[in-house]
Amino acid sequence: MTSSPADSSLSEVHGSVDTTSGAGKPLWKRTLVYFGPAYLVSVGYMDPGNWASDLAGGSQFGYKLLWVLLMSNLMALLLQSLAARLGIVRGRDLAQANREAYPKGLNIILYVLAEIAIAATDLAEVLGMAIGIQLLTGIPLIWAVLITLCDTFLLLLLQRLGMRKMEAFIIGLIAIIGVSFLVQLVMAKPPMGDVVSGLVPRIPSAAALFIITSIIGATVMPHNLYLHSALVQTRKIRRDDKGIRRALKLNFIDSTIALNLAFFVNAAILVLAARVFFHNGVTDVAGIKQAHQLMEGMLGSKLAPILFAVALIAAGQSSTVTGTLAGQIVMEGYLRLRINPWMRRLLTRLLAIVPAVIVILFFGEDKVDAMLLLSQVILSLQLGFAIVPLIHFVSNKQTMGAFVIPRWVQVLAWLITAVLVYLNGRMVAEQLVEYFRTGDNFVVMMLGSGLAFFFAVLLIYITVYPLIRKPLSLPPSAPIVHPEALHALGAPIVPAYSAIALALDFSRFDQTLLAHALGHAKPGTRFVLIHVVESASARIHGKESDDLETRKDLEQLELYAEELRKLGFEAGTLLGYHSRAREIVRLVKESGAEMLIIGAHGHRGMLDWIYGQTIDSVRHALKIPVLIVSA
């Protein structure tokens, strides 16, 4: 675990999709290269947590809450477009922008809240996938939950295949979900008149407010704002006004298409629940499992419940990928802390699995759907802490320049925020009042009231802070050098170093590394040739090892050193033992080298896990320049 010096959001894939090299290509190809980020975002709007909310709304109130989905979708479209604007124009994701604009202590709180939102999201994904696996196989839910650990490293594979392939994978899962529900809707044959009437805003009863809030929480998700502001930066665009405007326009189109697909899925679930359950007088559908069990009998087809379970697994699997990316963005953005992706994935998944296992073991599987609904309410309560800073950032003319959002968009964004905060506040107040009336645990009541008051004050503070302090002023995404300063540098030169370390592995690639080292040398440069012995003896005996491999490796290093001495340079040799990354770092530090040259061999798949991590570990542990030479 190391502090990351990189300022690029999702640095592994930052600017990896080039939109500037489309000269001569058809217009549709030059346009499609922008499409993709919004589809990764959209899966968060159709994850299993949405299913629980939509099923509850449709089975209890028929089509009457369909308007909530439409309103939530329009809210999401506006907010996601603002997040994309921040990433495109400022080159900052929302977490980075918060870190640079708010006090450190406040950022720690915002970070914790963001992690709670991501944990709640992953909880919904774990439970949804587990339920889908159980419905298809019949295995106990506790085992299905543990099976979800197997997808922990899926993100690593997808990232190594490239951003476009990851996007294609997610779009494929979305297609599975969409086709599954389209077939089920055709079977259900809902009356279109009743469906259209559900778009008229109304609140059927006070009991519907909890469902409305959970639907909004499931639709407009805070982690998606962090995610979108980072994903748009995977596109390398022209940084002039025309290039930025084109990127904003095409990303808005991308968001519109992707979020409308998500709206179709959510509306299909609610309509399906209304047609199959509410219309048949079954208004007590407790959750996903019960809906699956009743579907075959009410639709008269064995295909419907199978499609339902398959779509559920696809929704959970697609959401788990984007949830991990959001966690990486939040941790790196707020804390400038980067951990290995597999560790981040495992941490996120364990935060979701542990509470799920505890609830199943101690309270039974019947409480799982209540956990799904609760996870969505938690997400809804986090919304204000992501939306308010976002609106401040994109409304700031000093940092956004010509791309600041118009006044009417600002008013609309603040109005949406007010509606969301009001709904959340009303729900919390009603729950507290109800608990005060029926509860008898004074400590719990006081703790709940204190937390509600704290979060209310915190939300007010982050809202007014930019207004009472100096204007938000974020540093640009890249250093700006004045032309005179560039002129003063004179002709480009290759930096020369007095002591250069080389990590050699006795392959044909060593010659390339030595050539680069000579290019950075000057008269009197001292070379330090390093090799790590990984024989069985070296693993056991360390520097006391004296096997044939150790002696041969030392002889080879001396041959290289002798050639450098013939060229007039000082050259020394050092052997490390067993742990490649740790030993390279130790030897470089002990040698006093000013620069390290190391080779990247382009390993893929499992070999990259074995070999590729050396470079990341070494470069983060050293404070000197590290030149990575690709094979």
Foldseek 3Di string as FASTA:
>chain_A
DFQAPDQAQVVLLFQVQELPPQPPPDPVVSLCSLFFLLLLLLLLQQAQLLLLLLLLCCLAPNLQQLLLLVVLLVLQLLLLLLLQLCCLQFVHFLLQLCQQFDDLVLSVVLLVLLLLLLLLSLLSLLQLLLLLVCLVPVDDSLVSSVVVVVCLCVLVQQVQVHRVSLSVLSVVLLVLLLVLLVVLCVLLVFDVVSNVVSSDDDQPDPVCLLSSLLNSLSRNFLLSSRSSSNVSSSHDWDNDPVGSVSSSVSVSVSNVVSSVSSSSSSSSSNNSSNRQNNVVVNNPQLGDNSCLVSSCVSSVDPSNSNSSSSSSNSSSSSNLSSSLSSQQSSCCSSVSDHDPSSVSSSVSSCSNSVVVSVCCVPPNPSCSSVSSSVSSLSRLLSNLSRLLVSLLVLQFCQSSPPRRDDPVSSVVSVVVSVVSVVSNLVVLVVVLVVCVVPPDDPVVSVVSVVVSVVSVVSSVCSNCVCVVDPHSDDDGPDDDDDPVVVVVVPDDDQAAWQEEEEEDDPDPCVVVLVVVNVRRHDQNREYEYEYEDADPQCQPPPPVDDDPSVVVVVVVQVVVQVVVVVVVYHYDYDYGGRDLQVRVLVVCVVVVGQEYEYEDEPDDDPVCVVPVVSVVSNVSSDPHYYHYHYD
